[in-house]
Amino acid sequence: MITSKQRAYLRSLANGEPTIMQVGKGGISENMIKTVSDALEARELIKLSVLENCGYTPREAADELSEALGAEVAGVIGRKIILYRESEKNKRIEL
């Protein structure tokens, strides 16, 4: 688990990051989980956008993805989700 201070730090880092993926009406598929997992391994911190036509609320999508990926939800702001998972080979962020 990460502390609220670490979570705030991750949110501040995510500010400058582009949104790299979207959760749409297809919801959260196996394929999407694999893609997000690869992105987390490469970047550690990623930002996703939850579209209006998605069957999930942004919070539900964040919880589902974090559970499937073993990642931490650094924040849910509006329709954006910030996910963090420490990279095994490519560690960049010191908490």
Protein backbone atom coordinates (compact mmCIF):
# COMPACT_ATOMS: atom_id res chain seq x y z
CA MET A 1 0.00 0.00 0.00
CA ILE A 2 1.13 3.53 -0.65
CA THR A 3 0.60 6.40 1.78
CA SER A 4 -1.50 9.48 1.03
CA LYS A 5 1.72 11.51 0.80
CA GLN A 6 3.11 9.13 -1.85
CA ARG A 7 -0.24 9.22 -3.64
CA ALA A 8 -0.14 13.04 -3.73
CA TYR A 9 3.42 12.90 -5.09
CA LEU A 10 2.35 10.46 -7.84
CA ARG A 11 -0.58 12.71 -8.76
CA SER A 12 1.78 15.67 -9.10
CA LEU A 13 4.06 13.60 -11.37
CA ALA A 14 1.07 12.55 -13.48
CA ASN A 15 0.11 16.19 -14.09
CA GLY A 16 2.54 16.54 -16.96
CA GLU A 17 1.85 13.09 -18.39
CA PRO A 18 -0.39 12.59 -21.43
CA THR A 19 -3.46 10.35 -21.22
CA ILE A 20 -2.30 7.23 -23.03
CA MET A 21 -5.41 5.03 -23.02
CA GLN A 22 -9.17 5.19 -22.90
CA VAL A 23 -11.76 2.90 -21.35
CA GLY A 24 -14.74 2.99 -23.70
CA LYS A 25 -17.93 1.09 -24.24
CA GLY A 26 -15.92 -2.12 -24.70
CA GLY A 27 -15.17 -1.92 -20.98
CA ILE A 28 -12.15 -3.66 -19.52
CA SER A 29 -11.07 -6.64 -21.63
CA GLU A 30 -8.20 -9.12 -21.25
CA ASN A 31 -6.46 -7.39 -24.13
CA MET A 32 -6.76 -3.99 -22.45
CA ILE A 33 -5.43 -5.37 -19.16
CA LYS A 34 -2.37 -6.72 -20.98
CA THR A 35 -1.77 -3.41 -22.77
CA VAL A 36 -2.10 -1.43 -19.54
CA SER A 37 0.21 -3.89 -17.78
CA ASP A 38 2.87 -3.41 -20.47
CA ALA A 39 2.51 0.37 -20.22
CA LEU A 40 2.88 0.22 -16.42
CA GLU A 41 6.01 -1.92 -16.76
CA ALA A 42 7.50 0.64 -19.14
CA ARG A 43 6.38 3.84 -17.38
CA GLU A 44 5.30 2.93 -13.82
CA LEU A 45 2.76 5.78 -13.82
CA ILE A 46 0.02 6.07 -16.44
CA LYS A 47 -3.08 8.13 -16.98
CA LEU A 48 -6.26 6.71 -18.51
CA SER A 49 -9.47 8.38 -19.50
CA VAL A 50 -12.91 6.85 -18.92
CA LEU A 51 -15.29 7.78 -21.72
CA GLU A 52 -18.93 8.74 -21.15
CA ASN A 53 -20.19 5.61 -22.95
CA CYS A 54 -18.26 3.27 -20.66
CA GLY A 55 -20.37 1.01 -18.45
CA TYR A 56 -18.19 1.80 -15.43
CA THR A 57 -17.85 4.92 -13.33
CA PRO A 58 -14.23 6.13 -13.32
CA ARG A 59 -13.85 4.86 -9.72
CA GLU A 60 -15.17 1.38 -10.60
CA ALA A 61 -12.87 1.19 -13.63
CA ALA A 62 -9.91 2.26 -11.48
CA ASP A 63 -10.67 -0.36 -8.82
CA GLU A 64 -11.17 -3.12 -11.38
CA LEU A 65 -7.95 -2.30 -13.25
CA SER A 66 -5.87 -1.96 -10.09
CA GLU A 67 -7.11 -5.33 -8.86
CA ALA A 68 -6.44 -7.06 -12.19
CA LEU A 69 -2.98 -5.50 -12.51
CA GLY A 70 -1.79 -5.46 -8.91
CA ALA A 71 -1.41 -1.71 -9.28
CA GLU A 72 -2.20 1.22 -6.99
CA VAL A 73 -4.80 3.85 -7.83
CA ALA A 74 -2.90 7.10 -7.36
CA GLY A 75 -6.02 9.13 -8.08
CA VAL A 76 -9.31 9.50 -9.88
CA ILE A 77 -9.88 13.05 -11.06
CA GLY A 78 -13.01 13.68 -13.07
CA ARG A 79 -12.98 11.00 -15.76
CA LYS A 80 -9.21 10.43 -15.52
CA ILE A 81 -7.56 7.56 -13.65
CA ILE A 82 -3.93 7.57 -12.52
CA LEU A 83 -2.41 4.12 -11.95
CA TYR A 84 0.97 3.28 -10.47
CA ARG A 85 2.86 0.02 -10.31
CA GLU A 86 6.54 -0.35 -9.54
CA SER A 87 8.42 -1.63 -12.58
CA GLU A 88 10.53 -4.75 -12.21
CA LYS A 89 13.18 -3.92 -14.80
CA ASN A 90 12.70 -0.23 -15.41
CA LYS A 91 12.38 1.51 -12.03
CA ARG A 92 12.16 5.29 -12.44
CA ILE A 93 10.06 6.64 -9.57
CA GLU A 94 11.40 6.77 -6.01
CA LEU A 95 8.66 6.83 -3.37
